Amino acid sequence: MIQNYSLYEKKAIKNLIKIIKFLIAFLNNYHLLGNVFSTYIQIYFMNLSTLLIRSRKAKRMSQEEVAFQLNISQSTYHNWETGNYTPNTKYLAKILEVFELDIKDILNTA
């Protein structure tokens, strides 16, 4: 398969393979660091999810109503509440507006 490539492309592919092997070895050697980082990210998403749920319920809104105000699908909002995904900064500003929150409320979830 690699035979059909130019010499330059072959060298690039071999270098990419070396980089991938290095990254795999690095991640295997430092799996504890990866686990700590992964846990921190999960805690942040969980806390943000909790804030979204509590704020929505305090406003007595359904997920559909919040999603409509944010101009997103209900399933996207549901994924934010369950922690499967996190909103980007564009949506964080809209969330603050919809729920009448302060930026400190979101920052305190981290």
Protein backbone atom coordinates (compact mmCIF):
# COMPACT_ATOMS: atom_id res chain seq x y z
CA MET A 1 0.00 0.00 0.00
CA ILE A 2 2.80 2.43 0.85
CA GLN A 3 4.48 1.52 -2.48
CA ASN A 4 2.23 3.84 -4.52
CA TYR A 5 3.38 6.98 -2.72
CA SER A 6 6.25 9.33 -3.62
CA LEU A 7 9.46 9.27 -1.60
CA TYR A 8 8.35 12.44 0.24
CA GLU A 9 4.98 10.90 1.11
CA LYS A 10 6.62 7.68 2.31
CA LYS A 11 8.90 9.65 4.64
CA ALA A 12 5.96 11.66 5.94
CA ILE A 13 3.96 8.48 6.64
CA LYS A 14 6.90 6.86 8.42
CA ASN A 15 7.36 9.99 10.55
CA LEU A 16 3.66 10.01 11.43
CA ILE A 17 3.88 6.36 12.45
CA LYS A 18 6.86 7.19 14.70
CA ILE A 19 4.94 10.07 16.27
CA ILE A 20 1.89 7.88 16.88
CA LYS A 21 4.03 5.15 18.45
CA PHE A 22 5.70 7.76 20.67
CA LEU A 23 2.35 9.17 21.77
CA ILE A 24 1.01 5.71 22.55
CA ALA A 25 4.10 4.90 24.62
CA PHE A 26 3.89 8.26 26.37
CA LEU A 27 0.23 7.81 27.22
CA ASN A 28 0.85 4.27 28.46
CA ASN A 29 3.71 5.43 30.70
CA TYR A 30 1.77 8.36 32.11
CA HIS A 31 -1.65 6.78 32.42
CA LEU A 32 -2.01 8.12 35.97
CA LEU A 33 -1.64 11.69 34.75
CA GLY A 34 -4.22 10.97 32.07
CA ASN A 35 -6.61 9.52 34.64
CA VAL A 36 -6.27 12.56 36.89
CA PHE A 37 -6.93 14.93 33.99
CA SER A 38 -9.84 12.83 32.77
CA THR A 39 -11.34 12.79 36.26
CA TYR A 40 -11.04 16.58 36.56
CA ILE A 41 -12.80 17.05 33.21
CA GLN A 42 -15.57 14.64 34.25
CA ILE A 43 -16.07 16.51 37.55
CA TYR A 44 -16.28 19.85 35.70
CA PHE A 45 -18.88 18.50 33.27
CA MET A 46 -20.83 16.89 36.09
CA ASN A 47 -20.94 20.16 38.04
CA LEU A 48 -21.92 22.17 34.96
CA SER A 49 -24.60 19.59 34.24
CA THR A 50 -25.91 19.94 37.78
CA LEU A 51 -25.99 23.72 37.41
CA LEU A 52 -27.94 23.42 34.16
CA ILE A 53 -30.48 21.04 35.69
CA ARG A 54 -30.95 23.11 38.85
CA SER A 55 -31.24 26.37 36.90
CA ARG A 56 -33.76 24.93 34.47
CA LYS A 57 -35.88 23.48 37.26
CA ALA A 58 -35.71 26.74 39.22
CA LYS A 59 -37.13 28.51 36.16
CA ARG A 60 -39.72 25.72 35.80
CA MET A 61 -38.71 25.16 32.21
CA SER A 62 -38.58 21.98 30.16
CA GLN A 63 -35.52 20.95 28.21
CA GLU A 64 -37.46 21.76 25.04
CA GLU A 65 -38.15 25.31 26.22
CA VAL A 66 -34.52 25.94 27.12
CA ALA A 67 -33.34 24.43 23.84
CA PHE A 68 -35.75 26.66 21.92
CA GLN A 69 -34.43 29.78 23.67
CA LEU A 70 -30.85 28.70 22.98
CA ASN A 71 -31.72 27.89 19.36
CA ILE A 72 -30.45 24.30 19.65
CA SER A 73 -32.08 20.89 19.55
CA GLN A 74 -33.54 19.35 22.67
CA SER A 75 -31.14 16.42 22.30
CA THR A 76 -28.14 18.78 22.34
CA TYR A 77 -29.37 20.39 25.53
CA HIS A 78 -30.09 16.96 27.01
CA ASN A 79 -26.47 15.96 26.27
CA TRP A 80 -25.27 19.03 28.15
CA GLU A 81 -27.38 18.16 31.16
CA THR A 82 -26.19 14.56 31.19
CA GLY A 83 -22.56 15.63 30.80
CA ASN A 84 -22.07 13.85 27.49
CA TYR A 85 -21.06 17.16 25.90
CA THR A 86 -20.35 20.64 27.10
CA PRO A 87 -21.52 23.90 25.55
CA ASN A 88 -18.97 26.14 23.89
CA THR A 89 -18.47 29.74 24.99
CA LYS A 90 -21.03 31.02 22.47
CA TYR A 91 -23.73 29.06 24.26
CA LEU A 92 -22.43 29.74 27.75
CA ALA A 93 -23.27 33.42 27.27
CA LYS A 94 -26.79 32.50 26.14
CA ILE A 95 -27.19 30.13 29.10
CA LEU A 96 -26.27 32.95 31.47
CA GLU A 97 -28.93 35.10 29.85
CA VAL A 98 -31.69 32.47 29.80
CA PHE A 99 -31.17 31.42 33.42
CA GLU A 100 -30.27 34.93 34.63
CA LEU A 101 -26.98 33.66 36.02
CA ASP A 102 -23.69 35.41 36.65
CA ILE A 103 -20.46 34.20 35.07
CA LYS A 104 -19.27 33.36 38.60
CA ASP A 105 -21.97 30.68 38.80
CA ILE A 106 -20.45 28.82 35.86
CA LEU A 107 -16.85 29.40 36.97
CA ASN A 108 -17.66 28.04 40.43
CA THR A 109 -18.62 24.71 38.88
CA ALA A 110 -14.99 24.01 37.95
